[in-house]
Amino acid sequence: MNQFKFDDQMCQEWLTKPKRPLQGKSPFEQLSIDADEVMNMLVRMRTGDFS
């Protein structure tokens, strides 16, 4: 993933650790519930919107 500078370990850690904006779920868990939430989080990271 370009946002992680193609660092597989960093990407894996991001995908598997719980995130507050995802109500404490990991992005990997959230993908099966609502993939749009994960995509929105990635867009916010890319644009610097951490509100």
PDB file of N, CA and C in Angstrom:
ATOM      1  N   MET A   1       0.846  -1.183   0.000  1.00  0.00           N
ATOM      2  CA  MET A   1       0.000   0.000   0.000  1.00  0.00           C
ATOM      3  C   MET A   1       0.883   1.235   0.000  1.00  0.00           C
ATOM      4  N   ASN A   2       0.592   2.103  -0.890  1.00  0.00           N
ATOM      5  CA  ASN A   2       1.401   3.300  -1.052  1.00  0.00           C
ATOM      6  C   ASN A   2       1.463   4.144   0.220  1.00  0.00           C
ATOM      7  N   GLN A   3       0.381   4.201   0.988  1.00  0.00           N
ATOM      8  CA  GLN A   3       0.368   5.012   2.197  1.00  0.00           C
ATOM      9  C   GLN A   3       1.356   4.505   3.240  1.00  0.00           C
ATOM     10  N   PHE A   4       1.758   3.279   3.130  1.00  0.00           N
ATOM     11  CA  PHE A   4       2.706   2.696   4.074  1.00  0.00           C
ATOM     12  C   PHE A   4       4.074   2.526   3.431  1.00  0.00           C
ATOM     13  N   LYS A   5       4.287   3.236   2.335  1.00  0.00           N
ATOM     14  CA  LYS A   5       5.552   3.221   1.597  1.00  0.00           C
ATOM     15  C   LYS A   5       5.974   1.797   1.252  1.00  0.00           C
ATOM     16  N   PHE A   6       4.965   0.969   0.941  1.00  0.00           N
ATOM     17  CA  PHE A   6       5.178  -0.422   0.537  1.00  0.00           C
ATOM     18  C   PHE A   6       5.922  -1.235   1.590  1.00  0.00           C
ATOM     19  N   ASP A   7       5.784  -0.839   2.864  1.00  0.00           N
ATOM     20  CA  ASP A   7       6.376  -1.560   3.992  1.00  0.00           C
ATOM     21  C   ASP A   7       5.346  -2.587   4.475  1.00  0.00           C
ATOM     22  N   ASP A   8       5.559  -3.845   4.115  1.00  0.00           N
ATOM     23  CA  ASP A   8       4.592  -4.897   4.433  1.00  0.00           C
ATOM     24  C   ASP A   8       4.331  -5.027   5.929  1.00  0.00           C
ATOM     25  N   GLN A   9       5.375  -4.918   6.739  1.00  0.00           N
ATOM     26  CA  GLN A   9       5.199  -5.068   8.181  1.00  0.00           C
ATOM     27  C   GLN A   9       4.354  -3.922   8.740  1.00  0.00           C
ATOM     28  N   MET A  10       4.624  -2.697   8.311  1.00  0.00           N
ATOM     29  CA  MET A  10       3.858  -1.549   8.782  1.00  0.00           C
ATOM     30  C   MET A  10       2.389  -1.681   8.363  1.00  0.00           C
ATOM     31  N   CYS A  11       2.173  -2.125   7.154  1.00  0.00           N
ATOM     32  CA  CYS A  11       0.815  -2.320   6.647  1.00  0.00           C
ATOM     33  C   CYS A  11       0.089  -3.394   7.458  1.00  0.00           C
ATOM     34  N   GLN A  12       0.752  -4.494   7.720  1.00  0.00           N
ATOM     35  CA  GLN A  12       0.145  -5.578   8.496  1.00  0.00           C
ATOM     36  C   GLN A  12      -0.205  -5.112   9.905  1.00  0.00           C
ATOM     37  N   GLU A  13       0.693  -4.353  10.530  1.00  0.00           N
ATOM     38  CA  GLU A  13       0.421  -3.843  11.876  1.00  0.00           C
ATOM     39  C   GLU A  13      -0.786  -2.914  11.864  1.00  0.00           C
ATOM     40  N   TRP A  14      -0.868  -2.042  10.868  1.00  0.00           N
ATOM     41  CA  TRP A  14      -1.996  -1.116  10.784  1.00  0.00           C
ATOM     42  C   TRP A  14      -3.302  -1.883  10.609  1.00  0.00           C
ATOM     43  N   LEU A  15      -3.292  -2.890   9.768  1.00  0.00           N
ATOM     44  CA  LEU A  15      -4.510  -3.657   9.492  1.00  0.00           C
ATOM     45  C   LEU A  15      -4.993  -4.473  10.686  1.00  0.00           C
ATOM     46  N   THR A  16      -4.093  -4.882  11.570  1.00  0.00           N
ATOM     47  CA  THR A  16      -4.469  -5.808  12.639  1.00  0.00           C
ATOM     48  C   THR A  16      -4.631  -5.170  14.018  1.00  0.00           C
ATOM     49  N   LYS A  17      -4.202  -3.931  14.196  1.00  0.00           N
ATOM     50  CA  LYS A  17      -4.334  -3.290  15.511  1.00  0.00           C
ATOM     51  C   LYS A  17      -5.644  -2.510  15.601  1.00  0.00           C
ATOM     52  N   PRO A  18      -6.299  -2.569  16.762  1.00  0.00           N
ATOM     53  CA  PRO A  18      -7.558  -1.836  16.948  1.00  0.00           C
ATOM     54  C   PRO A  18      -7.364  -0.333  16.740  1.00  0.00           C
ATOM     55  N   LYS A  19      -8.400   0.297  16.183  1.00  0.00           N
ATOM     56  CA  LYS A  19      -8.371   1.737  15.915  1.00  0.00           C
ATOM     57  C   LYS A  19      -9.589   2.393  16.555  1.00  0.00           C
ATOM     58  N   ARG A  20      -9.354   3.485  17.251  1.00  0.00           N
ATOM     59  CA  ARG A  20     -10.437   4.214  17.910  1.00  0.00           C
ATOM     60  C   ARG A  20     -11.526   4.660  16.918  1.00  0.00           C
ATOM     61  N   PRO A  21     -11.170   5.206  15.745  1.00  0.00           N
ATOM     62  CA  PRO A  21     -12.229   5.619  14.802  1.00  0.00           C
ATOM     63  C   PRO A  21     -13.097   4.459  14.298  1.00  0.00           C
ATOM     64  N   LEU A  22     -12.628   3.239  14.488  1.00  0.00           N
ATOM     65  CA  LEU A  22     -13.394   2.063  14.065  1.00  0.00           C
ATOM     66  C   LEU A  22     -14.035   1.372  15.269  1.00  0.00           C
ATOM     67  N   GLN A  23     -14.298   2.144  16.313  1.00  0.00           N
ATOM     68  CA  GLN A  23     -14.926   1.643  17.538  1.00  0.00           C
ATOM     69  C   GLN A  23     -14.131   0.500  18.160  1.00  0.00           C
ATOM     70  N   GLY A  24     -12.803   0.612  18.106  1.00  0.00           N
ATOM     71  CA  GLY A  24     -11.941  -0.374  18.739  1.00  0.00           C
ATOM     72  C   GLY A  24     -11.692  -1.630  17.932  1.00  0.00           C
ATOM     73  N   LYS A  25     -12.209  -1.677  16.725  1.00  0.00           N
ATOM     74  CA  LYS A  25     -11.958  -2.836  15.859  1.00  0.00           C
ATOM     75  C   LYS A  25     -10.733  -2.559  15.002  1.00  0.00           C
ATOM     76  N   SER A  26     -10.092  -3.622  14.573  1.00  0.00           N
ATOM     77  CA  SER A  26      -8.982  -3.453  13.639  1.00  0.00           C
ATOM     78  C   SER A  26      -9.558  -3.217  12.246  1.00  0.00           C
ATOM     79  N   PRO A  27      -8.815  -2.557  11.367  1.00  0.00           N
ATOM     80  CA  PRO A  27      -9.294  -2.395   9.996  1.00  0.00           C
ATOM     81  C   PRO A  27      -9.631  -3.739   9.350  1.00  0.00           C
ATOM     82  N   PHE A  28      -8.849  -4.769   9.643  1.00  0.00           N
ATOM     83  CA  PHE A  28      -9.114  -6.093   9.085  1.00  0.00           C
ATOM     84  C   PHE A  28     -10.485  -6.610   9.518  1.00  0.00           C
ATOM     85  N   GLU A  29     -10.810  -6.451  10.814  1.00  0.00           N
ATOM     86  CA  GLU A  29     -12.125  -6.869  11.316  1.00  0.00           C
ATOM     87  C   GLU A  29     -13.238  -6.043  10.672  1.00  0.00           C
ATOM     88  N   GLN A  30     -12.999  -4.753  10.562  1.00  0.00           N
ATOM     89  CA  GLN A  30     -14.021  -3.842  10.048  1.00  0.00           C
ATOM     90  C   GLN A  30     -14.311  -4.068   8.565  1.00  0.00           C
ATOM     91  N   LEU A  31     -13.354  -4.589   7.823  1.00  0.00           N
ATOM     92  CA  LEU A  31     -13.564  -4.830   6.396  1.00  0.00           C
ATOM     93  C   LEU A  31     -14.762  -5.734   6.137  1.00  0.00           C
ATOM     94  N   SER A  32     -14.967  -6.723   6.997  1.00  0.00           N
ATOM     95  CA  SER A  32     -16.089  -7.642   6.785  1.00  0.00           C
ATOM     96  C   SER A  32     -17.420  -7.042   7.236  1.00  0.00           C
ATOM     97  N   ILE A  33     -17.365  -5.981   8.026  1.00  0.00           N
ATOM     98  CA  ILE A  33     -18.579  -5.332   8.529  1.00  0.00           C
ATOM     99  C   ILE A  33     -18.967  -4.156   7.632  1.00  0.00           C
ATOM    100  N   ASP A  34     -17.997  -3.277   7.391  1.00  0.00           N
ATOM    101  CA  ASP A  34     -18.257  -2.078   6.589  1.00  0.00           C
ATOM    102  C   ASP A  34     -16.938  -1.596   5.986  1.00  0.00           C
ATOM    103  N   ALA A  35     -16.622  -2.088   4.816  1.00  0.00           N
ATOM    104  CA  ALA A  35     -15.358  -1.755   4.154  1.00  0.00           C
ATOM    105  C   ALA A  35     -15.252  -0.263   3.866  1.00  0.00           C
ATOM    106  N   ASP A  36     -16.390   0.412   3.672  1.00  0.00           N
ATOM    107  CA  ASP A  36     -16.355   1.852   3.400  1.00  0.00           C
ATOM    108  C   ASP A  36     -15.718   2.624   4.548  1.00  0.00           C
ATOM    109  N   GLU A  37     -15.931   2.189   5.774  1.00  0.00           N
ATOM    110  CA  GLU A  37     -15.330   2.863   6.928  1.00  0.00           C
ATOM    111  C   GLU A  37     -13.803   2.790   6.868  1.00  0.00           C
ATOM    112  N   VAL A  38     -13.285   1.647   6.486  1.00  0.00           N
ATOM    113  CA  VAL A  38     -11.833   1.485   6.368  1.00  0.00           C
ATOM    114  C   VAL A  38     -11.315   2.360   5.229  1.00  0.00           C
ATOM    115  N   MET A  39     -12.012   2.363   4.108  1.00  0.00           N
ATOM    116  CA  MET A  39     -11.597   3.196   2.976  1.00  0.00           C
ATOM    117  C   MET A  39     -11.639   4.672   3.349  1.00  0.00           C
ATOM    118  N   ASN A  40     -12.667   5.091   4.065  1.00  0.00           N
ATOM    119  CA  ASN A  40     -12.754   6.484   4.509  1.00  0.00           C
ATOM    120  C   ASN A  40     -11.590   6.840   5.423  1.00  0.00           C
ATOM    121  N   MET A  41     -11.213   5.919   6.287  1.00  0.00           N
ATOM    122  CA  MET A  41     -10.090   6.161   7.187  1.00  0.00           C
ATOM    123  C   MET A  41      -8.795   6.323   6.393  1.00  0.00           C
ATOM    124  N   LEU A  42      -8.596   5.498   5.380  1.00  0.00           N
ATOM    125  CA  LEU A  42      -7.409   5.610   4.533  1.00  0.00           C
ATOM    126  C   LEU A  42      -7.385   6.940   3.787  1.00  0.00           C
ATOM    127  N   VAL A  43      -8.527   7.379   3.305  1.00  0.00           N
ATOM    128  CA  VAL A  43      -8.605   8.675   2.614  1.00  0.00           C
ATOM    129  C   VAL A  43      -8.265   9.798   3.581  1.00  0.00           C
ATOM    130  N   ARG A  44      -8.811   9.745   4.788  1.00  0.00           N
ATOM    131  CA  ARG A  44      -8.509  10.780   5.785  1.00  0.00           C
ATOM    132  C   ARG A  44      -7.026  10.795   6.126  1.00  0.00           C
ATOM    133  N   MET A  45      -6.409   9.626   6.216  1.00  0.00           N
ATOM    134  CA  MET A  45      -4.968   9.564   6.488  1.00  0.00           C
ATOM    135  C   MET A  45      -4.190  10.213   5.351  1.00  0.00           C
ATOM    136  N   ARG A  46      -4.587   9.912   4.125  1.00  0.00           N
ATOM    137  CA  ARG A  46      -3.886  10.441   2.953  1.00  0.00           C
ATOM    138  C   ARG A  46      -3.997  11.966   2.879  1.00  0.00           C
ATOM    139  N   THR A  47      -5.160  12.506   3.246  1.00  0.00           N
ATOM    140  CA  THR A  47      -5.379  13.946   3.138  1.00  0.00           C
ATOM    141  C   THR A  47      -5.021  14.699   4.414  1.00  0.00           C
ATOM    142  N   GLY A  48      -4.636  13.966   5.454  1.00  0.00           N
ATOM    143  CA  GLY A  48      -4.233  14.611   6.700  1.00  0.00           C
ATOM    144  C   GLY A  48      -5.400  15.027   7.579  1.00  0.00           C
ATOM    145  N   ASP A  49      -6.579  14.472   7.362  1.00  0.00           N
ATOM    146  CA  ASP A  49      -7.764  14.793   8.155  1.00  0.00           C
ATOM    147  C   ASP A  49      -7.892  13.791   9.294  1.00  0.00           C
ATOM    148  N   PHE A  50      -7.459  14.192  10.485  1.00  0.00           N
ATOM    149  CA  PHE A  50      -7.509  13.296  11.641  1.00  0.00           C
ATOM    150  C   PHE A  50      -8.575  13.731  12.635  1.00  0.00           C
ATOM    151  N   SER A  51      -9.607  14.404  12.137  1.00  0.00           N
ATOM    152  CA  SER A  51     -10.673  14.878  13.025  1.00  0.00           C
ATOM    153  C   SER A  51     -11.579  13.744  13.452  1.00  0.00           C
TER     154      SER A  51
END
